[in-house]
């Protein structure tokens, strides 16, 4: 079964039609081509906690998406709250994804260290924050794409016959 993905662009300006969303379509194209995944939900929301929270909760709890990628709201501006809302929604953090995105991004620009993006799991859904710029999104996707199919297999319980670890004395 193809990975089912949702793409959320978090931007006041894009949500008001004052700017064009360049990151959302980039994510859509990337996951379709590189992951052979199906983008089943895509939207633009303002930098408002309720709008971000409702989307993440609906898509993870009701739609049961495998992966949700957000773009935007991860910087230092006062309205950049995507990481805080994501932390409220997730049940378990997956810090390695955000760490590798920052690490790989830093090799290209020192500004990558300013990203506050987080990643985590809610139920069977992996949620990953990306910065808002298309270049940073491309760099982030390039960094984490190799691990995503395996991560989703584990969340689905389809990797191997038993995912439990046994400890022997």
N, C-alpha and C. Protein backbone atom coordinates (compact mmCIF):
# COMPACT_ATOMS: atom_id res chain seq x y z
N UNK A 1 0.84 -1.18 0.00
CA UNK A 1 0.00 0.00 0.00
C UNK A 1 0.89 1.25 0.00
N UNK A 2 0.57 2.19 -0.86
CA UNK A 2 1.34 3.43 -0.97
C UNK A 2 1.23 4.24 0.32
N UNK A 3 2.31 4.91 0.64
CA UNK A 3 2.32 5.81 1.79
C UNK A 3 1.32 6.93 1.53
N UNK A 4 0.49 7.23 2.53
CA UNK A 4 -0.52 8.30 2.43
C UNK A 4 0.01 9.52 3.17
N UNK A 5 0.11 10.63 2.45
CA UNK A 5 0.79 11.82 2.95
C UNK A 5 -0.13 13.04 2.93
N UNK A 6 0.05 13.91 3.93
CA UNK A 6 -0.60 15.21 3.97
C UNK A 6 0.45 16.30 3.99
N UNK A 7 0.19 17.40 3.30
CA UNK A 7 1.12 18.53 3.21
C UNK A 7 0.42 19.78 3.72
N UNK A 8 0.98 20.40 4.75
CA UNK A 8 0.42 21.61 5.34
C UNK A 8 1.41 22.76 5.19
N UNK A 9 1.01 23.79 4.49
CA UNK A 9 1.82 25.01 4.42
C UNK A 9 1.28 25.96 5.48
N UNK A 10 2.16 26.40 6.37
CA UNK A 10 1.77 27.32 7.43
C UNK A 10 2.32 28.70 7.07
N UNK A 11 1.40 29.59 6.68
CA UNK A 11 1.82 30.92 6.24
C UNK A 11 0.64 31.88 6.27
N UNK A 12 0.78 32.96 7.00
CA UNK A 12 -0.25 33.99 7.01
C UNK A 12 -0.45 34.56 5.60
N UNK A 13 0.66 34.93 4.96
CA UNK A 13 0.56 35.57 3.64
C UNK A 13 -0.04 34.64 2.59
N UNK A 14 0.38 33.39 2.56
CA UNK A 14 -0.18 32.44 1.58
C UNK A 14 -1.65 32.16 1.87
N UNK A 15 -2.01 32.08 3.15
CA UNK A 15 -3.40 31.77 3.49
C UNK A 15 -4.34 32.92 3.10
N UNK A 16 -3.80 34.15 3.05
CA UNK A 16 -4.59 35.32 2.65
C UNK A 16 -4.52 35.57 1.14
N UNK A 17 -3.75 34.76 0.42
CA UNK A 17 -3.61 34.96 -1.02
C UNK A 17 -2.66 36.06 -1.41
N UNK A 18 -1.83 36.53 -0.46
CA UNK A 18 -0.89 37.62 -0.73
C UNK A 18 0.44 37.12 -1.28
N UNK A 19 0.68 35.83 -1.16
CA UNK A 19 1.90 35.21 -1.68
C UNK A 19 1.54 33.83 -2.20
N UNK A 20 2.35 33.35 -3.13
CA UNK A 20 2.12 32.03 -3.69
C UNK A 20 2.88 30.99 -2.87
N UNK A 21 2.24 29.87 -2.62
CA UNK A 21 2.86 28.77 -1.90
C UNK A 21 3.80 28.03 -2.84
N UNK A 22 5.10 28.12 -2.58
CA UNK A 22 6.08 27.40 -3.40
C UNK A 22 6.52 26.10 -2.73
N UNK A 23 6.47 26.04 -1.40
CA UNK A 23 6.95 24.86 -0.68
C UNK A 23 5.98 23.69 -0.74
N UNK A 24 4.69 23.95 -0.58
CA UNK A 24 3.70 22.87 -0.61
C UNK A 24 3.75 22.07 -1.91
N UNK A 25 3.70 22.72 -3.06
CA UNK A 25 3.79 21.98 -4.33
C UNK A 25 5.12 21.23 -4.47
N UNK A 26 6.21 21.80 -3.97
CA UNK A 26 7.49 21.14 -4.01
C UNK A 26 7.45 19.84 -3.19
N UNK A 27 6.88 19.91 -1.99
CA UNK A 27 6.76 18.71 -1.15
C UNK A 27 5.90 17.67 -1.86
N UNK A 28 4.78 18.09 -2.41
CA UNK A 28 3.87 17.18 -3.11
C UNK A 28 4.59 16.44 -4.23
N UNK A 29 5.31 17.20 -5.05
CA UNK A 29 6.03 16.59 -6.17
C UNK A 29 7.12 15.64 -5.67
N UNK A 30 7.85 16.06 -4.64
CA UNK A 30 8.94 15.25 -4.11
C UNK A 30 8.42 13.91 -3.58
N UNK A 31 7.41 13.94 -2.72
CA UNK A 31 6.95 12.68 -2.13
C UNK A 31 6.29 11.78 -3.17
N UNK A 32 5.66 12.37 -4.18
CA UNK A 32 5.06 11.57 -5.25
C UNK A 32 6.12 10.86 -6.07
N UNK A 33 7.17 11.61 -6.43
CA UNK A 33 8.20 11.06 -7.30
C UNK A 33 9.25 10.24 -6.55
N UNK A 34 9.75 10.76 -5.45
CA UNK A 34 10.87 10.10 -4.76
C UNK A 34 10.41 9.00 -3.82
N UNK A 35 9.22 9.13 -3.26
CA UNK A 35 8.72 8.12 -2.32
C UNK A 35 7.61 7.26 -2.92
N UNK A 36 7.18 7.60 -4.13
CA UNK A 36 6.02 6.95 -4.75
C UNK A 36 4.84 6.94 -3.77
N UNK A 37 4.71 8.04 -3.06
CA UNK A 37 3.65 8.19 -2.06
C UNK A 37 2.48 8.93 -2.67
N UNK A 38 1.33 8.79 -2.03
CA UNK A 38 0.11 9.44 -2.48
C UNK A 38 -0.20 10.61 -1.55
N UNK A 39 -0.19 11.83 -2.10
CA UNK A 39 -0.58 13.00 -1.31
C UNK A 39 -2.10 13.05 -1.33
N UNK A 40 -2.71 12.75 -0.19
CA UNK A 40 -4.17 12.67 -0.11
C UNK A 40 -4.80 13.92 0.51
N UNK A 41 -3.98 14.74 1.16
CA UNK A 41 -4.46 15.99 1.76
C UNK A 41 -3.40 17.06 1.56
N UNK A 42 -3.84 18.27 1.22
CA UNK A 42 -2.93 19.40 1.13
C UNK A 42 -3.71 20.66 1.44
N UNK A 43 -3.12 21.54 2.26
CA UNK A 43 -3.81 22.78 2.58
C UNK A 43 -2.81 23.85 3.00
N UNK A 44 -3.32 25.06 3.06
CA UNK A 44 -2.57 26.21 3.56
C UNK A 44 -3.34 26.76 4.75
N UNK A 45 -2.65 26.93 5.87
CA UNK A 45 -3.28 27.49 7.07
C UNK A 45 -2.46 28.69 7.54
N UNK A 46 -3.11 29.63 8.25
CA UNK A 46 -2.35 30.76 8.81
C UNK A 46 -1.51 30.31 10.00
N UNK A 47 -0.61 31.17 10.42
CA UNK A 47 0.22 30.90 11.59
C UNK A 47 -0.62 31.07 12.86
N UNK A 48 -1.60 30.22 13.03
CA UNK A 48 -2.49 30.25 14.19
C UNK A 48 -2.58 28.86 14.78
N UNK A 49 -2.40 28.79 16.09
CA UNK A 49 -2.34 27.49 16.77
C UNK A 49 -3.55 26.61 16.48
N UNK A 50 -4.75 27.16 16.56
CA UNK A 50 -5.95 26.34 16.35
C UNK A 50 -5.99 25.74 14.96
N UNK A 51 -5.64 26.51 13.94
CA UNK A 51 -5.68 26.01 12.56
C UNK A 51 -4.65 24.90 12.35
N UNK A 52 -3.46 25.09 12.88
CA UNK A 52 -2.41 24.08 12.75
C UNK A 52 -2.81 22.82 13.51
N UNK A 53 -3.22 22.99 14.77
CA UNK A 53 -3.59 21.86 15.64
C UNK A 53 -4.73 21.05 15.02
N UNK A 54 -5.79 21.73 14.58
CA UNK A 54 -6.95 21.02 14.02
C UNK A 54 -6.57 20.19 12.80
N UNK A 55 -5.71 20.74 11.97
CA UNK A 55 -5.27 20.01 10.78
C UNK A 55 -4.46 18.77 11.17
N UNK A 56 -3.48 18.95 12.05
CA UNK A 56 -2.65 17.82 12.46
C UNK A 56 -3.48 16.73 13.14
N UNK A 57 -4.39 17.12 14.02
CA UNK A 57 -5.22 16.14 14.72
C UNK A 57 -6.16 15.41 13.77
N UNK A 58 -6.81 16.14 12.89
CA UNK A 58 -7.75 15.53 11.95
C UNK A 58 -7.04 14.55 11.03
N UNK A 59 -5.91 14.97 10.49
CA UNK A 59 -5.22 14.12 9.54
C UNK A 59 -4.56 12.90 10.19
N UNK A 60 -4.16 13.01 11.44
CA UNK A 60 -3.56 11.85 12.11
C UNK A 60 -4.63 10.96 12.73
N UNK A 61 -5.61 11.53 13.41
CA UNK A 61 -6.60 10.73 14.14
C UNK A 61 -7.75 10.23 13.27
N UNK A 62 -8.23 11.06 12.37
CA UNK A 62 -9.39 10.70 11.55
C UNK A 62 -8.98 10.13 10.19
N UNK A 63 -8.09 10.83 9.51
CA UNK A 63 -7.66 10.38 8.17
C UNK A 63 -6.65 9.25 8.24
N UNK A 64 -5.99 9.11 9.39
CA UNK A 64 -4.98 8.07 9.61
C UNK A 64 -3.87 8.11 8.56
N UNK A 65 -3.38 9.33 8.25
CA UNK A 65 -2.29 9.45 7.29
C UNK A 65 -1.02 8.85 7.86
N UNK A 66 -0.15 8.37 6.99
CA UNK A 66 1.13 7.80 7.42
C UNK A 66 2.12 8.90 7.77
N UNK A 67 2.08 10.00 7.00
CA UNK A 67 3.07 11.06 7.13
C UNK A 67 2.41 12.41 6.89
N UNK A 68 2.71 13.37 7.75
CA UNK A 68 2.29 14.76 7.55
C UNK A 68 3.56 15.60 7.55
N UNK A 69 3.73 16.38 6.48
CA UNK A 69 4.86 17.29 6.40
C UNK A 69 4.32 18.71 6.43
N UNK A 70 4.81 19.49 7.38
CA UNK A 70 4.45 20.90 7.45
C UNK A 70 5.59 21.71 6.87
N UNK A 71 5.26 22.86 6.32
CA UNK A 71 6.27 23.78 5.82
C UNK A 71 5.93 25.18 6.33
N UNK A 72 6.89 25.79 7.01
CA UNK A 72 6.70 27.15 7.50
C UNK A 72 6.45 27.22 9.00
N UNK A 73 6.70 28.40 9.53
CA UNK A 73 6.43 28.66 10.94
C UNK A 73 7.46 28.07 11.89
N UNK A 74 8.69 27.79 11.40
CA UNK A 74 9.70 27.17 12.25
C UNK A 74 10.83 28.11 12.63
N UNK A 75 10.71 29.37 12.27
CA UNK A 75 11.79 30.33 12.52
C UNK A 75 11.65 31.08 13.83
N UNK A 76 12.20 32.29 13.85
CA UNK A 76 12.28 33.10 15.06
C UNK A 76 11.20 34.17 15.15
N UNK A 77 10.42 34.36 14.10
CA UNK A 77 9.40 35.41 14.13
C UNK A 77 8.37 35.12 15.21
N UNK A 78 7.78 36.15 15.79
CA UNK A 78 6.81 35.95 16.87
C UNK A 78 5.65 35.01 16.51
N UNK A 79 5.22 34.99 15.25
CA UNK A 79 4.09 34.12 14.87
C UNK A 79 4.54 32.73 14.41
N UNK A 80 5.84 32.44 14.42
CA UNK A 80 6.36 31.12 14.04
C UNK A 80 6.14 30.15 15.20
N UNK A 81 5.00 29.44 15.16
CA UNK A 81 4.61 28.57 16.29
C UNK A 81 4.40 27.11 15.89
N UNK A 82 4.75 26.77 14.66
CA UNK A 82 4.51 25.39 14.21
C UNK A 82 5.18 24.35 15.13
N UNK A 83 6.44 24.53 15.55
CA UNK A 83 7.03 23.52 16.44
C UNK A 83 6.29 23.37 17.77
N UNK A 84 5.85 24.50 18.35
CA UNK A 84 5.15 24.42 19.64
C UNK A 84 3.82 23.66 19.49
N UNK A 85 3.09 23.93 18.43
CA UNK A 85 1.82 23.23 18.21
C UNK A 85 2.07 21.76 17.91
N UNK A 86 3.09 21.48 17.12
CA UNK A 86 3.43 20.09 16.82
C UNK A 86 3.76 19.34 18.10
N UNK A 87 4.53 19.95 18.99
CA UNK A 87 4.88 19.30 20.26
C UNK A 87 3.63 19.00 21.10
N UNK A 88 2.62 19.87 21.03
CA UNK A 88 1.37 19.61 21.75
C UNK A 88 0.65 18.38 21.21
N UNK A 89 0.77 18.15 19.91
CA UNK A 89 0.01 17.11 19.22
C UNK A 89 0.70 15.75 19.27
N UNK A 90 2.02 15.72 19.13
CA UNK A 90 2.71 14.43 19.07
C UNK A 90 2.75 13.75 20.43
N UNK A 91 2.88 12.45 20.37
CA UNK A 91 2.98 11.63 21.58
C UNK A 91 4.43 11.26 21.89
N UNK A 92 5.23 11.15 20.84
CA UNK A 92 6.65 10.81 20.99
C UNK A 92 7.45 11.62 19.98
N UNK A 93 8.54 12.26 20.44
CA UNK A 93 9.40 13.00 19.52
C UNK A 93 10.33 12.04 18.79
N UNK A 94 10.71 12.44 17.57
CA UNK A 94 11.71 11.72 16.79
C UNK A 94 12.80 12.73 16.42
N UNK A 95 13.63 13.08 17.38
CA UNK A 95 14.58 14.19 17.19
C UNK A 95 15.60 13.96 16.09
N UNK A 96 15.92 12.72 15.77
CA UNK A 96 16.92 12.46 14.74
C UNK A 96 16.58 13.07 13.39
N UNK A 97 15.30 13.09 13.05
CA UNK A 97 14.90 13.65 11.75
C UNK A 97 15.21 15.14 11.68
N UNK A 98 14.82 15.89 12.70
CA UNK A 98 15.08 17.33 12.72
C UNK A 98 16.58 17.61 12.84
N UNK A 99 17.27 16.76 13.61
CA UNK A 99 18.72 16.96 13.77
C UNK A 99 19.45 16.79 12.45
N UNK A 100 19.11 15.75 11.69
CA UNK A 100 19.81 15.52 10.42
C UNK A 100 19.45 16.61 9.40
N UNK A 101 18.21 17.11 9.43
CA UNK A 101 17.84 18.20 8.52
C UNK A 101 18.68 19.44 8.82
N UNK A 102 18.82 19.77 10.09
CA UNK A 102 19.64 20.94 10.46
C UNK A 102 21.11 20.71 10.12
N UNK A 103 21.61 19.52 10.42
CA UNK A 103 23.02 19.20 10.18
C UNK A 103 23.36 19.27 8.70
N UNK A 104 22.54 18.64 7.87
CA UNK A 104 22.79 18.66 6.43
C UNK A 104 22.58 20.06 5.86
N UNK A 105 21.58 20.76 6.35
CA UNK A 105 21.34 22.13 5.90
C UNK A 105 22.48 23.06 6.25
N UNK A 106 23.07 22.84 7.41
CA UNK A 106 24.18 23.68 7.87
C UNK A 106 25.39 23.58 6.94
N UNK A 107 25.53 22.45 6.27
CA UNK A 107 26.64 22.28 5.32
C UNK A 107 26.50 23.24 4.14
N UNK A 108 25.28 23.74 3.93
CA UNK A 108 25.02 24.65 2.81
C UNK A 108 24.85 26.10 3.25
N UNK A 109 24.31 26.30 4.47
CA UNK A 109 24.11 27.66 4.99
C UNK A 109 24.08 27.64 6.52
N UNK A 110 24.74 28.60 7.15
CA UNK A 110 24.69 28.66 8.61
C UNK A 110 23.28 28.97 9.14
N UNK A 111 22.42 29.47 8.29
CA UNK A 111 21.06 29.79 8.72
C UNK A 111 20.25 28.55 9.09
N UNK A 112 20.69 27.37 8.64
CA UNK A 112 19.97 26.14 8.96
C UNK A 112 19.88 25.91 10.47
N UNK A 113 20.86 26.40 11.20
CA UNK A 113 20.84 26.19 12.65
C UNK A 113 19.74 27.01 13.33
N UNK A 114 19.13 27.92 12.60
CA UNK A 114 18.06 28.74 13.16
C UNK A 114 16.70 28.06 13.07
N UNK A 115 16.61 26.94 12.37
CA UNK A 115 15.34 26.23 12.28
C UNK A 115 15.01 25.58 13.62
N UNK A 116 13.77 25.74 14.04
CA UNK A 116 13.30 25.13 15.29
C UNK A 116 12.41 23.93 15.00
N UNK A 117 12.47 23.41 13.77
CA UNK A 117 11.62 22.31 13.34
C UNK A 117 11.73 21.11 14.28
N UNK A 118 10.61 20.43 14.47
CA UNK A 118 10.57 19.20 15.26
C UNK A 118 9.90 18.11 14.42
N UNK A 119 10.02 16.89 14.89
CA UNK A 119 9.35 15.76 14.26
C UNK A 119 8.90 14.82 15.37
N UNK A 120 7.81 14.10 15.11
CA UNK A 120 7.33 13.18 16.12
C UNK A 120 6.19 12.32 15.61
N UNK A 121 5.72 11.47 16.49
CA UNK A 121 4.72 10.46 16.16
C UNK A 121 3.45 10.72 16.96
N UNK A 122 2.33 10.63 16.27
CA UNK A 122 1.01 10.63 16.92
C UNK A 122 0.29 9.41 16.38
N UNK A 123 0.02 8.44 17.25
CA UNK A 123 -0.61 7.21 16.79
C UNK A 123 0.27 6.56 15.75
N UNK A 124 -0.28 6.34 14.54
CA UNK A 124 0.48 5.75 13.46
C UNK A 124 0.95 6.76 12.45
N UNK A 125 0.98 8.04 12.82
CA UNK A 125 1.34 9.11 11.89
C UNK A 125 2.65 9.76 12.30
N UNK A 126 3.55 9.89 11.34
CA UNK A 126 4.79 10.63 11.54
C UNK A 126 4.55 12.06 11.07
N UNK A 127 4.87 13.03 11.92
CA UNK A 127 4.70 14.45 11.60
C UNK A 127 6.08 15.09 11.58
N UNK A 128 6.41 15.76 10.47
CA UNK A 128 7.72 16.38 10.30
C UNK A 128 7.53 17.85 9.92
N UNK A 129 8.17 18.75 10.68
CA UNK A 129 8.17 20.18 10.34
C UNK A 129 9.33 20.47 9.41
N UNK A 130 9.07 21.31 8.43
CA UNK A 130 10.11 21.81 7.52
C UNK A 130 10.06 23.34 7.57
N UNK A 131 11.18 23.99 7.26
CA UNK A 131 11.15 25.45 7.13
C UNK A 131 10.24 25.85 5.97
N UNK A 132 10.06 27.14 5.78
CA UNK A 132 9.16 27.63 4.74
C UNK A 132 9.79 27.84 3.39
N UNK A 133 11.10 28.02 3.33
CA UNK A 133 11.72 28.31 2.03
C UNK A 133 11.84 27.04 1.19
N UNK A 134 11.58 27.15 -0.10
CA UNK A 134 11.69 25.97 -0.98
C UNK A 134 13.08 25.34 -0.94
N UNK A 135 14.13 26.14 -0.88
CA UNK A 135 15.49 25.59 -0.82
C UNK A 135 15.69 24.77 0.45
N UNK A 136 15.24 25.29 1.58
CA UNK A 136 15.38 24.56 2.84
C UNK A 136 14.52 23.30 2.84
N UNK A 137 13.35 23.37 2.23
CA UNK A 137 12.49 22.19 2.12
C UNK A 137 13.18 21.11 1.29
N UNK A 138 13.74 21.50 0.15
CA UNK A 138 14.44 20.55 -0.71
C UNK A 138 15.60 19.89 0.04
N UNK A 139 16.38 20.71 0.75
CA UNK A 139 17.51 20.18 1.52
C UNK A 139 17.03 19.23 2.61
N UNK A 140 15.95 19.61 3.30
CA UNK A 140 15.42 18.77 4.37
C UNK A 140 14.88 17.45 3.85
N UNK A 141 14.14 17.51 2.75
CA UNK A 141 13.60 16.27 2.17
C UNK A 141 14.72 15.36 1.69
N UNK A 142 15.74 15.96 1.09
CA UNK A 142 16.88 15.18 0.62
C UNK A 142 17.53 14.45 1.79
N UNK A 143 17.61 15.11 2.93
CA UNK A 143 18.27 14.52 4.10
C UNK A 143 17.47 13.37 4.71
N UNK A 144 16.14 13.48 4.77
CA UNK A 144 15.37 12.46 5.50
C UNK A 144 14.69 11.41 4.62
N UNK A 145 14.59 11.65 3.33
CA UNK A 145 13.89 10.70 2.46
C UNK A 145 14.39 9.27 2.58
N UNK A 146 15.70 9.03 2.68
CA UNK A 146 16.15 7.63 2.77
C UNK A 146 15.57 6.86 3.97
N UNK A 147 15.24 7.56 5.04
CA UNK A 147 14.75 6.89 6.25
C UNK A 147 13.23 6.77 6.31
N UNK A 148 12.51 7.55 5.51
CA UNK A 148 11.05 7.61 5.65
C UNK A 148 10.32 6.29 5.35
N UNK A 149 10.64 5.57 4.28
CA UNK A 149 9.92 4.31 4.05
C UNK A 149 10.07 3.33 5.22
N UNK A 150 11.28 3.23 5.76
CA UNK A 150 11.51 2.33 6.89
C UNK A 150 10.73 2.80 8.12
N UNK A 151 10.73 4.11 8.36
CA UNK A 151 10.00 4.65 9.50
C UNK A 151 8.52 4.32 9.40
N UNK A 152 7.94 4.48 8.22
CA UNK A 152 6.51 4.20 8.04
C UNK A 152 6.23 2.72 8.16
N UNK A 153 7.11 1.87 7.65
CA UNK A 153 6.93 0.42 7.82
C UNK A 153 6.87 0.06 9.31
N UNK A 154 7.75 0.63 10.08
CA UNK A 154 7.77 0.35 11.53
C UNK A 154 6.47 0.83 12.17
N UNK A 155 6.04 2.05 11.84
CA UNK A 155 4.79 2.57 12.41
C UNK A 155 3.60 1.70 12.02
N UNK A 156 3.60 1.21 10.81
CA UNK A 156 2.51 0.34 10.35
C UNK A 156 2.59 -1.06 10.94
N UNK A 157 3.75 -1.40 11.50
CA UNK A 157 3.93 -2.75 12.03
C UNK A 157 4.21 -3.77 10.94
N UNK A 158 4.67 -3.31 9.78
CA UNK A 158 4.90 -4.23 8.66
C UNK A 158 6.38 -4.52 8.42
N UNK A 159 7.24 -4.01 9.26
CA UNK A 159 8.68 -4.29 9.12
C UNK A 159 9.03 -5.52 9.92
N UNK A 160 9.43 -6.58 9.25
CA UNK A 160 9.80 -7.81 9.94
C UNK A 160 8.59 -8.47 10.57
N UNK A 161 8.80 -9.58 11.21
CA UNK A 161 7.68 -10.31 11.80
C UNK A 161 7.40 -9.87 13.23
N UNK A 162 8.40 -9.31 13.90
CA UNK A 162 8.20 -8.92 15.29
C UNK A 162 9.09 -7.71 15.56
N UNK A 163 8.50 -6.60 15.94
CA UNK A 163 9.28 -5.40 16.19
C UNK A 163 9.69 -5.25 17.65
N UNK A 164 9.29 -6.19 18.48
CA UNK A 164 9.68 -6.12 19.89
C UNK A 164 11.12 -6.60 20.07
N UNK A 165 11.79 -6.05 21.03
CA UNK A 165 13.14 -6.47 21.35
C UNK A 165 13.10 -7.36 22.58
N UNK A 166 13.80 -8.48 22.50
CA UNK A 166 13.87 -9.36 23.67
C UNK A 166 15.23 -9.19 24.31
N UNK A 167 15.23 -9.10 25.63
CA UNK A 167 16.46 -8.96 26.36
C UNK A 167 16.70 -10.23 27.14
N UNK A 168 17.92 -10.74 27.02
CA UNK A 168 18.27 -11.96 27.73
C UNK A 168 19.24 -11.62 28.85
N UNK A 169 19.07 -12.34 29.95
CA UNK A 169 19.96 -12.09 31.08
C UNK A 169 21.21 -12.91 30.95
